[in-house]
């Protein structure tokens, strides 16, 4: 009976979390530590990008709400100083 071939996984494109998980389920990988470090760095970079995008989206949302409140106060003759505390 032939023994299964063990292969290292080499990604030419940027891996996704789902892609890595799927690859590990399908292929028994015995890659060197550098391979793991490289993949972890790619995923950490993706996480950092997504975290920053979420942070920016939240800031934009809060700024929009503050602008709406300011407009409402102005329409109701509330001085801007009241909003600043």
PDB file of N, CA and C in Angstrom:
ATOM      1  N   UNK A   1       0.843  -1.183   0.000  1.00  0.00           N
ATOM      2  CA  UNK A   1       0.000   0.000   0.000  1.00  0.00           C
ATOM      3  C   UNK A   1       0.890   1.248   0.000  1.00  0.00           C
ATOM      4  N   UNK A   2       0.611   2.125  -0.917  1.00  0.00           N
ATOM      5  CA  UNK A   2       1.428   3.339  -1.064  1.00  0.00           C
ATOM      6  C   UNK A   2       1.163   4.306   0.070  1.00  0.00           C
ATOM      7  N   UNK A   3       2.238   4.916   0.517  1.00  0.00           N
ATOM      8  CA  UNK A   3       2.139   5.914   1.582  1.00  0.00           C
ATOM      9  C   UNK A   3       1.719   7.251   0.982  1.00  0.00           C
ATOM     10  N   UNK A   4       0.803   8.012   1.650  1.00  0.00           N
ATOM     11  CA  UNK A   4       0.390   9.321   1.116  1.00  0.00           C
ATOM     12  C   UNK A   4       1.584  10.269   1.001  1.00  0.00           C
ATOM     13  N   UNK A   5       1.562  11.061  -0.024  1.00  0.00           N
ATOM     14  CA  UNK A   5       2.615  12.044  -0.251  1.00  0.00           C
ATOM     15  C   UNK A   5       2.351  13.253   0.627  1.00  0.00           C
ATOM     16  N   UNK A   6       3.360  13.670   1.354  1.00  0.00           N
ATOM     17  CA  UNK A   6       3.240  14.862   2.187  1.00  0.00           C
ATOM     18  C   UNK A   6       3.841  16.019   1.421  1.00  0.00           C
ATOM     19  N   UNK A   7       3.103  17.121   1.344  1.00  0.00           N
ATOM     20  CA  UNK A   7       3.570  18.279   0.593  1.00  0.00           C
ATOM     21  C   UNK A   7       3.503  19.520   1.457  1.00  0.00           C
ATOM     22  N   UNK A   8       4.429  20.412   1.208  1.00  0.00           N
ATOM     23  CA  UNK A   8       4.338  21.746   1.798  1.00  0.00           C
ATOM     24  C   UNK A   8       3.340  22.538   0.980  1.00  0.00           C
ATOM     25  N   UNK A   9       2.654  23.457   1.622  1.00  0.00           N
ATOM     26  CA  UNK A   9       1.696  24.307   0.933  1.00  0.00           C
ATOM     27  C   UNK A   9       2.421  25.586   0.552  1.00  0.00           C
ATOM     28  N   UNK A  10       2.374  25.941  -0.686  1.00  0.00           N
ATOM     29  CA  UNK A  10       2.988  27.190  -1.137  1.00  0.00           C
ATOM     30  C   UNK A  10       1.905  28.050  -1.760  1.00  0.00           C
ATOM     31  N   UNK A  11       1.705  29.242  -1.217  1.00  0.00           N
ATOM     32  CA  UNK A  11       0.712  30.158  -1.744  1.00  0.00           C
ATOM     33  C   UNK A  11       1.409  31.186  -2.617  1.00  0.00           C
ATOM     34  N   UNK A  12       0.922  31.342  -3.824  1.00  0.00           N
ATOM     35  CA  UNK A  12       1.450  32.382  -4.699  1.00  0.00           C
ATOM     36  C   UNK A  12       0.632  33.662  -4.511  1.00  0.00           C
ATOM     37  N   UNK A  13      -0.587  33.520  -4.039  1.00  0.00           N
ATOM     38  CA  UNK A  13      -1.436  34.674  -3.762  1.00  0.00           C
ATOM     39  C   UNK A  13      -1.581  34.797  -2.260  1.00  0.00           C
ATOM     40  N   UNK A  14      -2.105  35.919  -1.848  1.00  0.00           N
ATOM     41  CA  UNK A  14      -2.306  36.189  -0.433  1.00  0.00           C
ATOM     42  C   UNK A  14      -3.351  35.221   0.140  1.00  0.00           C
ATOM     43  N   UNK A  15      -2.979  34.432   1.148  1.00  0.00           N
ATOM     44  CA  UNK A  15      -3.936  33.470   1.691  1.00  0.00           C
ATOM     45  C   UNK A  15      -4.996  34.154   2.541  1.00  0.00           C
ATOM     46  N   UNK A  16      -6.140  33.532   2.607  1.00  0.00           N
ATOM     47  CA  UNK A  16      -7.190  34.001   3.503  1.00  0.00           C
ATOM     48  C   UNK A  16      -7.281  33.022   4.661  1.00  0.00           C
ATOM     49  N   UNK A  17      -7.930  33.423   5.728  1.00  0.00           N
ATOM     50  CA  UNK A  17      -8.072  32.534   6.877  1.00  0.00           C
ATOM     51  C   UNK A  17      -8.812  31.268   6.454  1.00  0.00           C
ATOM     52  N   UNK A  18      -9.897  31.426   5.702  1.00  0.00           N
ATOM     53  CA  UNK A  18     -10.665  30.268   5.247  1.00  0.00           C
ATOM     54  C   UNK A  18      -9.792  29.367   4.368  1.00  0.00           C
ATOM     55  N   UNK A  19      -8.997  29.979   3.489  1.00  0.00           N
ATOM     56  CA  UNK A  19      -8.132  29.201   2.610  1.00  0.00           C
ATOM     57  C   UNK A  19      -7.087  28.415   3.381  1.00  0.00           C
ATOM     58  N   UNK A  20      -6.483  29.040   4.384  1.00  0.00           N
ATOM     59  CA  UNK A  20      -5.499  28.333   5.192  1.00  0.00           C
ATOM     60  C   UNK A  20      -6.142  27.188   5.956  1.00  0.00           C
ATOM     61  N   UNK A  21      -7.286  27.436   6.552  1.00  0.00           N
ATOM     62  CA  UNK A  21      -7.985  26.405   7.312  1.00  0.00           C
ATOM     63  C   UNK A  21      -8.315  25.230   6.402  1.00  0.00           C
ATOM     64  N   UNK A  22      -8.833  25.528   5.226  1.00  0.00           N
ATOM     65  CA  UNK A  22      -9.193  24.487   4.268  1.00  0.00           C
ATOM     66  C   UNK A  22      -7.950  23.705   3.845  1.00  0.00           C
ATOM     67  N   UNK A  23      -6.859  24.404   3.591  1.00  0.00           N
ATOM     68  CA  UNK A  23      -5.625  23.744   3.181  1.00  0.00           C
ATOM     69  C   UNK A  23      -5.120  22.801   4.267  1.00  0.00           C
ATOM     70  N   UNK A  24      -5.202  23.209   5.514  1.00  0.00           N
ATOM     71  CA  UNK A  24      -4.747  22.360   6.602  1.00  0.00           C
ATOM     72  C   UNK A  24      -5.635  21.140   6.773  1.00  0.00           C
ATOM     73  N   UNK A  25      -6.902  21.264   6.445  1.00  0.00           N
ATOM     74  CA  UNK A  25      -7.787  20.106   6.525  1.00  0.00           C
ATOM     75  C   UNK A  25      -7.483  19.099   5.421  1.00  0.00           C
ATOM     76  N   UNK A  26      -7.054  19.585   4.272  1.00  0.00           N
ATOM     77  CA  UNK A  26      -6.826  18.711   3.122  1.00  0.00           C
ATOM     78  C   UNK A  26      -5.418  18.130   3.045  1.00  0.00           C
ATOM     79  N   UNK A  27      -4.415  18.884   3.494  1.00  0.00           N
ATOM     80  CA  UNK A  27      -3.029  18.473   3.294  1.00  0.00           C
ATOM     81  C   UNK A  27      -2.300  18.453   4.628  1.00  0.00           C
ATOM     82  N   UNK A  28      -1.607  17.383   4.859  1.00  0.00           N
ATOM     83  CA  UNK A  28      -0.785  17.308   6.062  1.00  0.00           C
ATOM     84  C   UNK A  28       0.497  18.066   5.771  1.00  0.00           C
ATOM     85  N   UNK A  29       0.702  19.122   6.486  1.00  0.00           N
ATOM     86  CA  UNK A  29       1.787  20.045   6.151  1.00  0.00           C
ATOM     87  C   UNK A  29       2.919  19.943   7.158  1.00  0.00           C
ATOM     88  N   UNK A  30       4.124  19.777   6.628  1.00  0.00           N
ATOM     89  CA  UNK A  30       5.323  19.793   7.467  1.00  0.00           C
ATOM     90  C   UNK A  30       6.240  20.890   6.940  1.00  0.00           C
ATOM     91  N   UNK A  31       5.797  22.089   7.059  1.00  0.00           N
ATOM     92  CA  UNK A  31       6.548  23.232   6.554  1.00  0.00           C
ATOM     93  C   UNK A  31       7.540  23.702   7.615  1.00  0.00           C
ATOM     94  N   UNK A  32       8.582  24.368   7.190  1.00  0.00           N
ATOM     95  CA  UNK A  32       9.559  24.912   8.150  1.00  0.00           C
ATOM     96  C   UNK A  32       8.945  26.070   8.939  1.00  0.00           C
ATOM     97  N   UNK A  33       9.519  26.389  10.088  1.00  0.00           N
ATOM     98  CA  UNK A  33       8.995  27.481  10.918  1.00  0.00           C
ATOM     99  C   UNK A  33       8.878  28.806  10.173  1.00  0.00           C
ATOM    100  N   UNK A  34       9.768  29.056   9.224  1.00  0.00           N
ATOM    101  CA  UNK A  34       9.707  30.297   8.463  1.00  0.00           C
ATOM    102  C   UNK A  34       8.401  30.419   7.689  1.00  0.00           C
ATOM    103  N   UNK A  35       7.895  29.290   7.210  1.00  0.00           N
ATOM    104  CA  UNK A  35       6.637  29.281   6.459  1.00  0.00           C
ATOM    105  C   UNK A  35       5.508  29.773   7.358  1.00  0.00           C
ATOM    106  N   UNK A  36       5.469  29.240   8.595  1.00  0.00           N
ATOM    107  CA  UNK A  36       4.432  29.645   9.543  1.00  0.00           C
ATOM    108  C   UNK A  36       4.565  31.122   9.892  1.00  0.00           C
ATOM    109  N   UNK A  37       5.810  31.567  10.083  1.00  0.00           N
ATOM    110  CA  UNK A  37       6.045  32.972  10.416  1.00  0.00           C
ATOM    111  C   UNK A  37       5.582  33.875   9.279  1.00  0.00           C
ATOM    112  N   UNK A  38       5.856  33.478   8.037  1.00  0.00           N
ATOM    113  CA  UNK A  38       5.442  34.276   6.879  1.00  0.00           C
ATOM    114  C   UNK A  38       3.919  34.355   6.791  1.00  0.00           C
ATOM    115  N   UNK A  39       3.252  33.229   6.954  1.00  0.00           N
ATOM    116  CA  UNK A  39       1.783  33.215   6.875  1.00  0.00           C
ATOM    117  C   UNK A  39       1.172  34.010   8.023  1.00  0.00           C
ATOM    118  N   UNK A  40       1.765  33.901   9.217  1.00  0.00           N
ATOM    119  CA  UNK A  40       1.262  34.665  10.367  1.00  0.00           C
ATOM    120  C   UNK A  40       1.430  36.158  10.129  1.00  0.00           C
ATOM    121  N   UNK A  41       2.534  36.563   9.527  1.00  0.00           N
ATOM    122  CA  UNK A  41       2.763  37.980   9.243  1.00  0.00           C
ATOM    123  C   UNK A  41       1.741  38.505   8.240  1.00  0.00           C
ATOM    124  N   UNK A  42       1.438  37.701   7.224  1.00  0.00           N
ATOM    125  CA  UNK A  42       0.433  38.104   6.233  1.00  0.00           C
ATOM    126  C   UNK A  42      -0.929  38.272   6.895  1.00  0.00           C
ATOM    127  N   UNK A  43      -1.306  37.295   7.714  1.00  0.00           N
ATOM    128  CA  UNK A  43      -2.607  37.373   8.387  1.00  0.00           C
ATOM    129  C   UNK A  43      -2.659  38.523   9.396  1.00  0.00           C
ATOM    130  N   UNK A  44      -1.556  38.783  10.094  1.00  0.00           N
ATOM    131  CA  UNK A  44      -1.516  39.909  11.036  1.00  0.00           C
ATOM    132  C   UNK A  44      -1.675  41.218  10.289  1.00  0.00           C
ATOM    133  N   UNK A  45      -1.045  41.330   9.120  1.00  0.00           N
ATOM    134  CA  UNK A  45      -1.201  42.529   8.295  1.00  0.00           C
ATOM    135  C   UNK A  45      -2.640  42.726   7.863  1.00  0.00           C
ATOM    136  N   UNK A  46      -3.289  41.628   7.472  1.00  0.00           N
ATOM    137  CA  UNK A  46      -4.694  41.716   7.068  1.00  0.00           C
ATOM    138  C   UNK A  46      -5.566  42.120   8.256  1.00  0.00           C
ATOM    139  N   UNK A  47      -5.295  41.549   9.412  1.00  0.00           N
ATOM    140  CA  UNK A  47      -6.049  41.908  10.619  1.00  0.00           C
ATOM    141  C   UNK A  47      -5.859  43.385  10.951  1.00  0.00           C
ATOM    142  N   UNK A  48      -4.628  43.879  10.861  1.00  0.00           N
ATOM    143  CA  UNK A  48      -4.355  45.289  11.144  1.00  0.00           C
ATOM    144  C   UNK A  48      -5.105  46.206  10.176  1.00  0.00           C
ATOM    145  N   UNK A  49      -5.108  45.834   8.883  1.00  0.00           N
ATOM    146  CA  UNK A  49      -5.830  46.633   7.882  1.00  0.00           C
ATOM    147  C   UNK A  49      -7.324  46.676   8.181  1.00  0.00           C
ATOM    148  N   UNK A  50      -7.886  45.517   8.502  1.00  0.00           N
ATOM    149  CA  UNK A  50      -9.327  45.458   8.783  1.00  0.00           C
ATOM    150  C   UNK A  50      -9.682  46.207  10.063  1.00  0.00           C
ATOM    151  N   UNK A  51      -8.812  46.108  11.069  1.00  0.00           N
ATOM    152  CA  UNK A  51      -9.046  46.818  12.327  1.00  0.00           C
ATOM    153  C   UNK A  51      -9.056  48.321  12.089  1.00  0.00           C
ATOM    154  N   UNK A  52      -8.089  48.803  11.310  1.00  0.00           N
ATOM    155  CA  UNK A  52      -8.024  50.239  11.012  1.00  0.00           C
ATOM    156  C   UNK A  52      -9.240  50.681  10.204  1.00  0.00           C
ATOM    157  N   UNK A  53      -9.671  49.867   9.249  1.00  0.00           N
ATOM    158  CA  UNK A  53     -10.850  50.213   8.450  1.00  0.00           C
ATOM    159  C   UNK A  53     -12.092  50.297   9.332  1.00  0.00           C
ATOM    160  N   UNK A  54     -12.233  49.374  10.273  1.00  0.00           N
ATOM    161  CA  UNK A  54     -13.373  49.426  11.203  1.00  0.00           C
ATOM    162  C   UNK A  54     -13.309  50.664  12.083  1.00  0.00           C
ATOM    163  N   UNK A  55     -12.106  50.967  12.569  1.00  0.00           N
ATOM    164  CA  UNK A  55     -11.931  52.143  13.430  1.00  0.00           C
ATOM    165  C   UNK A  55     -12.322  53.409  12.668  1.00  0.00           C
ATOM    166  N   UNK A  56     -11.868  53.516  11.430  1.00  0.00           N
ATOM    167  CA  UNK A  56     -12.203  54.690  10.613  1.00  0.00           C
ATOM    168  C   UNK A  56     -13.700  54.770  10.340  1.00  0.00           C
ATOM    169  N   UNK A  57     -14.323  53.635  10.081  1.00  0.00           N
ATOM    170  CA  UNK A  57     -15.768  53.618   9.815  1.00  0.00           C
ATOM    171  C   UNK A  57     -16.540  54.068  11.051  1.00  0.00           C
ATOM    172  N   UNK A  58     -16.102  53.617  12.229  1.00  0.00           N
ATOM    173  CA  UNK A  58     -16.782  54.018  13.465  1.00  0.00           C
ATOM    174  C   UNK A  58     -16.610  55.502  13.719  1.00  0.00           C
ATOM    175  N   UNK A  59     -15.415  56.029  13.482  1.00  0.00           N
ATOM    176  CA  UNK A  59     -15.174  57.462  13.676  1.00  0.00           C
ATOM    177  C   UNK A  59     -16.053  58.265  12.728  1.00  0.00           C
ATOM    178  N   UNK A  60     -16.121  57.824  11.466  1.00  0.00           N
ATOM    179  CA  UNK A  60     -16.966  58.515  10.493  1.00  0.00           C
ATOM    180  C   UNK A  60     -18.429  58.495  10.913  1.00  0.00           C
ATOM    181  N   UNK A  61     -18.883  57.358  11.451  1.00  0.00           N
ATOM    182  CA  UNK A  61     -20.284  57.240  11.881  1.00  0.00           C
ATOM    183  C   UNK A  61     -20.579  58.177  13.050  1.00  0.00           C
ATOM    184  N   UNK A  62     -19.686  58.219  14.028  1.00  0.00           N
ATOM    185  CA  UNK A  62     -19.886  59.100  15.191  1.00  0.00           C
ATOM    186  C   UNK A  62     -19.821  60.564  14.764  1.00  0.00           C
ATOM    187  N   UNK A  63     -18.898  60.904  13.854  1.00  0.00           N
ATOM    188  CA  UNK A  63     -18.797  62.277  13.365  1.00  0.00           C
ATOM    189  C   UNK A  63     -20.081  62.685  12.653  1.00  0.00           C
ATOM    190  N   UNK A  64     -20.658  61.777  11.886  1.00  0.00           N
ATOM    191  CA  UNK A  64     -21.914  62.051  11.187  1.00  0.00           C
ATOM    192  C   UNK A  64     -23.053  62.287  12.181  1.00  0.00           C
ATOM    193  N   UNK A  65     -23.092  61.480  13.244  1.00  0.00           N
ATOM    194  CA  UNK A  65     -24.124  61.671  14.270  1.00  0.00           C
ATOM    195  C   UNK A  65     -23.948  63.006  14.983  1.00  0.00           C
ATOM    196  N   UNK A  66     -22.707  63.371  15.263  1.00  0.00           N
ATOM    197  CA  UNK A  66     -22.428  64.649  15.909  1.00  0.00           C
ATOM    198  C   UNK A  66     -22.838  65.811  15.003  1.00  0.00           C
ATOM    199  N   UNK A  67     -22.551  65.686  13.710  1.00  0.00           N
ATOM    200  CA  UNK A  67     -22.961  66.717  12.751  1.00  0.00           C
ATOM    201  C   UNK A  67     -24.478  66.851  12.701  1.00  0.00           C
ATOM    202  N   UNK A  68     -25.178  65.712  12.724  1.00  0.00           N
ATOM    203  CA  UNK A  68     -26.647  65.734  12.723  1.00  0.00           C
ATOM    204  C   UNK A  68     -27.183  66.420  13.980  1.00  0.00           C
ATOM    205  N   UNK A  69     -26.585  66.113  15.122  1.00  0.00           N
ATOM    206  CA  UNK A  69     -27.004  66.736  16.372  1.00  0.00           C
ATOM    207  C   UNK A  69     -26.757  68.242  16.332  1.00  0.00           C
ATOM    208  N   UNK A  70     -25.613  68.628  15.787  1.00  0.00           N
ATOM    209  CA  UNK A  70     -25.284  70.045  15.670  1.00  0.00           C
ATOM    210  C   UNK A  70     -26.300  70.761  14.775  1.00  0.00           C
ATOM    211  N   UNK A  71     -26.660  70.136  13.652  1.00  0.00           N
ATOM    212  CA  UNK A  71     -27.673  70.724  12.759  1.00  0.00           C
ATOM    213  C   UNK A  71     -29.013  70.865  13.465  1.00  0.00           C
ATOM    214  N   UNK A  72     -29.400  69.841  14.214  1.00  0.00           N
ATOM    215  CA  UNK A  72     -30.673  69.882  14.938  1.00  0.00           C
ATOM    216  C   UNK A  72     -30.655  70.996  15.983  1.00  0.00           C
ATOM    217  N   UNK A  73     -29.548  71.117  16.700  1.00  0.00           N
ATOM    218  CA  UNK A  73     -29.434  72.177  17.707  1.00  0.00           C
ATOM    219  C   UNK A  73     -29.521  73.548  17.051  1.00  0.00           C
ATOM    220  N   UNK A  74     -28.855  73.732  15.938  1.00  0.00           N
ATOM    221  CA  UNK A  74     -28.879  75.013  15.233  1.00  0.00           C
ATOM    222  C   UNK A  74     -30.315  75.347  14.790  1.00  0.00           C
ATOM    223  N   UNK A  75     -31.043  74.356  14.276  1.00  0.00           N
ATOM    224  CA  UNK A  75     -32.437  74.601  13.844  1.00  0.00           C
ATOM    225  C   UNK A  75     -33.341  74.954  15.028  1.00  0.00           C
ATOM    226  N   UNK A  76     -32.951  74.526  16.225  1.00  0.00           N
ATOM    227  CA  UNK A  76     -33.742  74.823  17.419  1.00  0.00           C
ATOM    228  C   UNK A  76     -33.138  75.952  18.242  1.00  0.00           C
ATOM    229  N   UNK A  77     -32.302  76.748  17.590  1.00  0.00           N
ATOM    230  CA  UNK A  77     -31.698  77.930  18.206  1.00  0.00           C
ATOM    231  C   UNK A  77     -30.899  77.624  19.474  1.00  0.00           C
ATOM    232  N   UNK A  78     -30.230  76.490  19.484  1.00  0.00           N
ATOM    233  CA  UNK A  78     -29.343  76.128  20.610  1.00  0.00           C
ATOM    234  C   UNK A  78     -27.942  76.603  20.237  1.00  0.00           C
ATOM    235  N   UNK A  79     -27.310  77.420  21.066  1.00  0.00           N
ATOM    236  CA  UNK A  79     -25.972  77.922  20.741  1.00  0.00           C
ATOM    237  C   UNK A  79     -24.953  76.786  20.666  1.00  0.00           C
ATOM    238  N   UNK A  80     -23.990  76.899  19.755  1.00  0.00           N
ATOM    239  CA  UNK A  80     -22.967  75.856  19.606  1.00  0.00           C
ATOM    240  C   UNK A  80     -22.208  75.564  20.893  1.00  0.00           C
ATOM    241  N   UNK A  81     -22.050  76.552  21.734  1.00  0.00           N
ATOM    242  CA  UNK A  81     -21.322  76.353  22.993  1.00  0.00           C
ATOM    243  C   UNK A  81     -21.977  75.293  23.881  1.00  0.00           C
ATOM    244  N   UNK A  82     -23.289  75.136  23.776  1.00  0.00           N
ATOM    245  CA  UNK A  82     -24.001  74.154  24.597  1.00  0.00           C
ATOM    246  C   UNK A  82     -23.558  72.744  24.229  1.00  0.00           C
ATOM    247  N   UNK A  83     -23.330  72.493  22.953  1.00  0.00           N
ATOM    248  CA  UNK A  83     -22.904  71.173  22.516  1.00  0.00           C
ATOM    249  C   UNK A  83     -21.476  70.841  22.947  1.00  0.00           C
ATOM    250  N   UNK A  84     -20.663  71.838  23.116  1.00  0.00           N
ATOM    251  CA  UNK A  84     -19.265  71.605  23.499  1.00  0.00           C
ATOM    252  C   UNK A  84     -19.097  71.424  24.989  1.00  0.00           C
ATOM    253  N   UNK A  85     -20.171  71.614  25.740  1.00  0.00           N
ATOM    254  CA  UNK A  85     -20.121  71.414  27.177  1.00  0.00           C
ATOM    255  C   UNK A  85     -19.578  72.571  27.865  1.00  0.00           C
TER     256      UNK A  85
END
